Amino acid sequence: MLERRHHLPDQHPPLAFPALRSPVHQLGPGEPFDFSRRVAVMAIVNRTPDSFYDDGATFGLQSAVDAVLAAERAGADIVDIGGQPFAPGEELSEADEIARVVPVIRAVRERTGVPISAETYRARVAEACIEAGAGIINDTSGLRDEDLARVVAASGVQLVITHSVAAPRAELTRPHYDDVVGEVRAFLEARAERALELGVGEEQLIIDPGHDLNKNTMHTLELTRRFDEISSIGFPTLAAVSNKDFIGETLDREKRNRVAGSLASAVACILLGARIVRMHNVPEAVDATRMTEAILGLRAPAYTRHNL
């Protein structure tokens, strides 16, 4: 049967993709990633006994390593490894957090060059993760520890700055915003500028508006609807929407039944400029992301034979 393979048409990226200050980022040991032409799928592997989604299924060292390698095989561009949840609770010690995350990073780095993100808000933990092979530090605290930015600046790795206003592991009851999107944008602009002052390069910065983090469902829906106001800041923008409570409350679905809502939310964010989507269900997220890239003219079909 006749089959043709196509190259991308010679065209500019769609208007939904605002200009980036520095589109090319070095995420890991491999080739640089051009966010002006691609969207990255970030898989999630939590080495915690009480993780939000899998209830500790990847707490064991080998289980965590296997999950990272499986995510890579499924097409993930980045794997995010965390040692303690964002949810309110007792803080893990720095030593315990390092003991959970660093062995996973080290074991994965010995086997593959997949870009590794370490989710932490502590400078000492970040330093240990970078030494083990992490190329991205995912800080959900909004750069509360400015020494973390100094560690990133010295190492040259990537830094994700996320909007959250409560102290780490602290509960914020009934969060209030006069304009959630405007306030999140102002926060991210200010923290990104501070990171630059501390020596982090524009080509190292990624921002995340923090879906559900210190926000209720109506806040997060508004943030998703106006995601372009965040992505237009000019740094690659991460959408961490997977299986979150705003999806469960909107659709009346338990966390195991939120895949469709997660994919819809991720696609909506991509259409409004997201360059990274952080997802649990990797095969489904990869297909949804690659299809959205093709619709936007960022990716050619794998092949064409229909009606040829």
Protein backbone atom coordinates (compact mmCIF):
# COMPACT_ATOMS: atom_id res chain seq x y z
CA MET A 1 0.00 0.00 0.00
CA LEU A 2 1.22 3.48 -0.85
CA GLU A 3 2.63 5.23 2.17
CA ARG A 4 4.29 8.59 2.46
CA ARG A 5 6.31 10.22 5.18
CA HIS A 6 6.13 13.96 5.47
CA HIS A 7 8.26 16.78 6.76
CA LEU A 8 6.80 19.69 8.65
CA PRO A 9 5.47 22.53 6.50
CA ASP A 10 7.51 25.70 6.44
CA GLN A 11 5.43 27.78 8.81
CA HIS A 12 5.63 29.75 12.01
CA PRO A 13 4.44 28.19 15.26
CA PRO A 14 0.77 28.97 16.03
CA LEU A 15 -0.21 32.08 17.95
CA ALA A 16 -1.01 29.94 21.00
CA PHE A 17 2.74 29.56 21.46
CA PRO A 18 4.03 32.92 22.65
CA ALA A 19 7.64 33.86 22.05
CA LEU A 20 10.19 32.48 24.49
CA ARG A 21 13.10 34.48 25.85
CA SER A 22 15.34 31.44 25.45
CA PRO A 23 13.66 28.49 23.67
CA VAL A 24 16.55 26.00 23.77
CA HIS A 25 17.21 24.34 27.13
CA GLN A 26 19.63 21.64 28.20
CA LEU A 27 17.44 19.26 30.20
CA GLY A 28 19.93 16.43 30.63
CA PRO A 29 22.99 14.80 29.14
CA GLY A 30 21.47 14.40 25.66
CA GLU A 31 20.59 16.86 22.92
CA PRO A 32 19.18 20.28 23.89
CA PHE A 33 15.38 20.58 23.87
CA ASP A 34 13.84 23.29 21.67
CA PHE A 35 10.61 24.41 23.34
CA SER A 36 9.68 26.49 20.29
CA ARG A 37 9.12 23.27 18.32
CA ARG A 38 8.27 20.61 20.90
CA VAL A 39 6.21 19.94 24.02
CA ALA A 40 7.77 17.78 26.73
CA VAL A 41 5.89 15.10 28.65
CA MET A 42 7.17 14.91 32.23
CA ALA A 43 6.38 11.59 33.92
CA ILE A 44 5.90 11.39 37.69
CA VAL A 45 7.63 8.88 39.96
CA ASN A 46 7.18 9.43 43.69
CA ARG A 47 9.37 7.53 46.12
CA THR A 48 6.99 8.05 49.01
CA PRO A 49 4.86 5.59 51.00
CA ASP A 50 1.88 7.97 50.86
CA SER A 51 2.02 9.42 47.35
CA PHE A 52 -1.08 11.20 46.09
CA TYR A 53 -1.79 8.94 43.13
CA ASP A 54 -0.28 5.46 43.55
CA ASP A 55 -0.40 5.04 47.34
CA GLY A 56 3.26 4.10 47.58
CA ALA A 57 3.50 1.71 44.61
CA THR A 58 6.91 3.15 43.68
CA PHE A 59 8.28 3.58 47.21
CA GLY A 60 10.67 0.65 46.89
CA LEU A 61 13.97 1.52 45.23
CA GLN A 62 13.68 -1.07 42.45
CA SER A 63 10.02 -0.20 41.89
CA ALA A 64 10.95 3.46 41.49
CA VAL A 65 13.80 2.70 39.08
CA ASP A 66 11.59 0.35 37.06
CA ALA A 67 8.89 3.03 36.87
CA VAL A 68 11.35 5.60 35.52
CA LEU A 69 12.61 3.21 32.85
CA ALA A 70 9.04 2.25 31.91
CA ALA A 71 8.13 5.93 31.55
CA GLU A 72 11.07 6.46 29.24
CA ARG A 73 10.05 3.47 27.11
CA ALA A 74 6.53 4.91 26.92
CA GLY A 75 7.91 8.13 25.43
CA ALA A 76 8.37 10.47 28.38
CA ASP A 77 10.80 13.30 27.69
CA ILE A 78 11.52 13.96 31.39
CA VAL A 79 10.96 11.96 34.57
CA ASP A 80 10.24 13.88 37.78
CA ILE A 81 11.31 12.07 40.97
CA GLY A 82 10.06 13.20 44.36
CA GLY A 83 10.78 12.15 47.92
CA GLN A 84 7.97 13.81 49.84
CA PRO A 85 4.45 14.97 48.95
CA PHE A 86 3.36 18.60 48.59
CA ALA A 87 0.26 17.90 50.71
CA PRO A 88 0.19 19.12 54.32
CA GLY A 89 2.04 16.90 56.76
CA GLU A 90 5.23 16.45 58.71
CA GLU A 91 8.35 17.50 56.83
CA LEU A 92 10.86 14.83 55.97
CA SER A 93 14.39 15.56 57.16
CA GLU A 94 16.92 16.60 54.52
CA ALA A 95 18.88 13.39 55.13
CA ASP A 96 15.78 11.21 54.67
CA GLU A 97 14.76 13.07 51.51
CA ILE A 98 18.23 12.58 50.04
CA ALA A 99 18.16 8.91 51.00
CA ARG A 100 14.90 8.44 49.12
CA VAL A 101 15.66 10.35 45.93
CA VAL A 102 19.39 10.17 45.26
CA PRO A 103 19.66 6.35 44.93
CA VAL A 104 16.90 6.41 42.30
CA ILE A 105 18.61 9.16 40.32
CA ARG A 106 21.97 7.43 40.53
CA ALA A 107 20.57 4.04 39.46
CA VAL A 108 18.64 5.55 36.55
CA ARG A 109 21.59 7.63 35.38
CA GLU A 110 23.70 4.47 35.20
CA ARG A 111 21.19 2.96 32.77
CA THR A 112 19.87 5.79 30.61
CA GLY A 113 20.31 9.42 29.59
CA VAL A 114 16.64 10.38 30.09
CA PRO A 115 16.40 13.87 31.60
CA ILE A 116 15.77 13.59 35.34
CA SER A 117 13.94 16.19 37.41
CA ALA A 118 14.22 16.16 41.20
CA GLU A 119 11.28 17.67 43.05
CA THR A 120 12.64 19.49 46.09
CA TYR A 121 12.64 22.95 47.65
CA ARG A 122 15.87 22.52 49.64
CA ALA A 123 19.30 23.62 48.46
CA ARG A 124 21.23 20.75 50.09
CA VAL A 125 18.89 18.14 48.64
CA ALA A 126 19.10 19.81 45.23
CA GLU A 127 22.89 19.77 45.39
CA ALA A 128 22.91 16.02 46.16
CA CYS A 129 20.43 15.31 43.36
CA ILE A 130 22.46 17.29 40.84
CA GLU A 131 25.61 15.46 41.84
CA ALA A 132 23.78 12.15 41.30
CA GLY A 133 22.69 13.17 37.79
CA ALA A 134 19.53 15.31 37.94
CA GLY A 135 19.34 17.98 35.24
CA ILE A 136 16.25 19.77 36.57
CA ILE A 137 15.28 20.95 40.04
CA ASN A 138 11.50 21.22 40.42
CA ASP A 139 10.84 23.62 43.31
CA THR A 140 7.19 23.65 44.38
CA SER A 141 7.82 26.28 47.07
CA GLY A 142 8.28 29.28 44.78
CA LEU A 143 11.98 29.63 45.58
CA ARG A 144 11.47 29.98 49.31
CA ASP A 145 15.10 28.89 49.85
CA GLU A 146 17.14 31.27 47.73
CA ASP A 147 20.26 29.16 48.23
CA LEU A 148 18.58 26.68 45.91
CA ALA A 149 18.84 29.24 43.09
CA ARG A 150 22.52 29.69 43.88
CA VAL A 151 23.06 25.92 43.63
CA VAL A 152 21.26 25.86 40.28
CA ALA A 153 23.23 28.85 39.00
CA ALA A 154 26.53 27.20 39.89
CA SER A 155 25.62 23.87 38.31
CA GLY A 156 23.92 25.04 35.12
CA VAL A 157 20.87 22.78 35.52
CA GLN A 158 17.25 23.78 35.00
CA LEU A 159 15.05 25.34 37.69
CA VAL A 160 11.25 25.07 37.81
CA ILE A 161 9.73 27.89 39.86
CA THR A 162 6.19 27.05 40.97
CA HIS A 163 3.53 29.32 42.42
CA SER A 164 2.61 28.38 45.97
CA VAL A 165 2.20 30.71 48.93
CA ALA A 166 2.06 28.49 52.03
CA ALA A 167 5.17 27.16 53.74
CA PRO A 168 6.19 23.66 52.59
CA ARG A 169 3.92 20.89 53.94
CA ALA A 170 1.72 23.57 55.62
CA GLU A 171 -2.03 23.77 55.08
CA LEU A 172 -3.61 26.93 53.65
CA THR A 173 -7.32 26.93 54.42
CA ARG A 174 -9.76 28.81 52.22
CA PRO A 175 -7.20 30.51 49.95
CA HIS A 176 -8.34 33.87 48.58
CA TYR A 177 -7.27 35.76 45.46
CA ASP A 178 -8.78 38.93 44.04
CA ASP A 179 -7.51 37.88 40.60
CA VAL A 180 -5.86 34.48 40.78
CA VAL A 181 -4.25 34.67 37.34
CA GLY A 182 -2.93 38.19 37.79
CA GLU A 183 -1.53 37.36 41.21
CA VAL A 184 0.07 34.10 40.04
CA ARG A 185 1.62 35.91 37.07
CA ALA A 186 3.02 38.70 39.28
CA PHE A 187 4.45 36.13 41.71
CA LEU A 188 6.17 34.12 38.96
CA GLU A 189 7.56 37.24 37.30
CA ALA A 190 9.00 38.45 40.62
CA ARG A 191 10.51 35.09 41.57
CA ALA A 192 11.96 34.56 38.10
CA GLU A 193 13.56 37.99 38.26
CA ARG A 194 15.00 37.14 41.66
CA ALA A 195 16.44 33.88 40.29
CA LEU A 196 18.10 35.86 37.49
CA GLU A 197 19.58 38.24 40.06
CA LEU A 198 21.00 35.22 41.90
CA GLY A 199 22.79 34.05 38.76
CA VAL A 200 20.34 31.64 37.12
CA GLY A 201 20.30 32.07 33.33
CA GLU A 202 17.18 32.62 31.24
CA GLU A 203 17.98 29.35 29.47
CA GLN A 204 17.71 27.57 32.85
CA LEU A 205 14.29 28.85 33.93
CA ILE A 206 10.90 27.12 33.70
CA ILE A 207 7.74 28.38 35.42
CA ASP A 208 4.69 26.55 36.76
CA PRO A 209 1.48 28.28 37.91
CA GLY A 210 0.82 25.49 40.40
CA HIS A 211 -2.54 23.96 39.55
CA ASP A 212 -4.38 23.20 42.83
CA LEU A 213 -1.40 24.27 44.97
CA ASN A 214 -2.92 26.58 47.61
CA LYS A 215 -5.86 27.06 45.24
CA ASN A 216 -9.43 25.77 45.13
CA THR A 217 -11.12 24.23 42.11
CA MET A 218 -12.56 27.51 40.83
CA HIS A 219 -9.12 29.14 41.07
CA THR A 220 -7.53 26.29 39.13
CA LEU A 221 -10.19 26.26 36.42
CA GLU A 222 -9.67 30.01 35.95
CA LEU A 223 -5.92 29.49 35.81
CA THR A 224 -6.35 26.80 33.15
CA ARG A 225 -8.77 28.92 31.11
CA ARG A 226 -6.34 31.86 31.12
CA PHE A 227 -3.14 29.82 30.92
CA ASP A 228 -1.87 31.99 28.06
CA GLU A 229 -1.49 34.88 30.49
CA ILE A 230 1.10 32.79 32.32
CA SER A 231 2.87 31.30 29.30
CA SER A 232 3.22 34.77 27.78
CA ILE A 233 5.72 35.65 30.54
CA GLY A 234 8.25 34.12 28.15
CA PHE A 235 9.74 31.17 30.02
CA PRO A 236 8.77 27.58 29.15
CA THR A 237 5.67 26.93 31.23
CA LEU A 238 4.84 23.65 32.95
CA ALA A 239 1.27 22.45 33.49
CA ALA A 240 1.01 19.95 36.37
CA VAL A 241 -2.61 18.93 35.97
CA SER A 242 -2.56 15.15 36.25
CA ASN A 243 -5.36 13.54 38.30
CA LYS A 244 -5.67 16.56 40.55
CA ASP A 245 -8.60 17.44 42.78
CA PHE A 246 -9.92 20.16 40.45
CA ILE A 247 -10.56 17.40 37.92
CA GLY A 248 -12.15 15.11 40.51
CA GLU A 249 -14.43 17.86 41.79
CA THR A 250 -15.36 19.08 38.32
CA LEU A 251 -16.25 15.63 36.98
CA ASP A 252 -17.16 13.88 40.26
CA ARG A 253 -14.45 11.28 39.73
CA GLU A 254 -12.18 9.46 42.15
CA LYS A 255 -8.47 9.79 41.43
CA ARG A 256 -8.28 6.49 39.51
CA ASN A 257 -10.94 7.73 37.07
CA ARG A 258 -9.50 11.12 36.18
CA VAL A 259 -7.39 10.17 33.15
CA ALA A 260 -9.74 11.67 30.54
CA GLY A 261 -10.09 14.88 32.53
CA SER A 262 -6.32 15.04 32.97
CA LEU A 263 -5.72 14.66 29.23
CA ALA A 264 -8.33 17.30 28.40
CA SER A 265 -6.71 19.71 30.87
CA ALA A 266 -3.22 19.04 29.50
CA VAL A 267 -4.33 19.62 25.91
CA ALA A 268 -6.10 22.84 26.88
CA CYS A 269 -2.90 24.10 28.50
CA ILE A 270 -0.79 23.11 25.47
CA LEU A 271 -3.14 25.04 23.19
CA LEU A 272 -2.59 28.05 25.46
CA GLY A 273 1.21 27.78 25.44
CA ALA A 274 2.30 25.07 27.89
CA ARG A 275 5.64 23.54 26.89
CA ILE A 276 5.75 20.79 29.56
CA VAL A 277 2.88 18.68 30.89
CA ARG A 278 3.50 16.71 34.08
CA MET A 279 1.50 13.48 33.94
CA HIS A 280 0.99 10.14 35.69
CA ASN A 281 -0.50 8.14 32.79
CA VAL A 282 2.44 8.32 30.43
CA PRO A 283 1.36 6.39 27.30
CA GLU A 284 -1.95 8.26 27.13
CA ALA A 285 -0.27 11.61 27.83
CA VAL A 286 2.38 11.02 25.16
CA ASP A 287 -0.26 10.23 22.53
CA ALA A 288 -2.39 13.23 23.48
CA THR A 289 0.62 15.54 23.43
CA ARG A 290 2.01 14.26 20.14
CA MET A 291 -1.43 14.53 18.51
CA THR A 292 -1.78 18.09 19.75
CA GLU A 293 1.67 18.92 18.39
CA ALA A 294 0.63 17.56 14.98
CA ILE A 295 -2.60 19.57 14.97
CA LEU A 296 -0.59 22.70 15.80
CA GLY A 297 1.86 22.01 12.98
CA LEU A 298 4.75 21.25 15.34
CA ARG A 299 5.04 17.57 14.37
CA ALA A 300 4.61 15.65 11.12
CA PRO A 301 2.47 12.48 11.07
CA ALA A 302 4.43 9.27 11.52
CA TYR A 303 3.11 8.27 8.07
CA THR A 304 0.19 8.97 5.71
CA ARG A 305 -1.68 6.55 3.47
CA HIS A 306 -5.35 7.41 4.03
CA ASN A 307 -6.94 8.46 0.70
CA LEU A 308 -3.61 8.42 -1.10
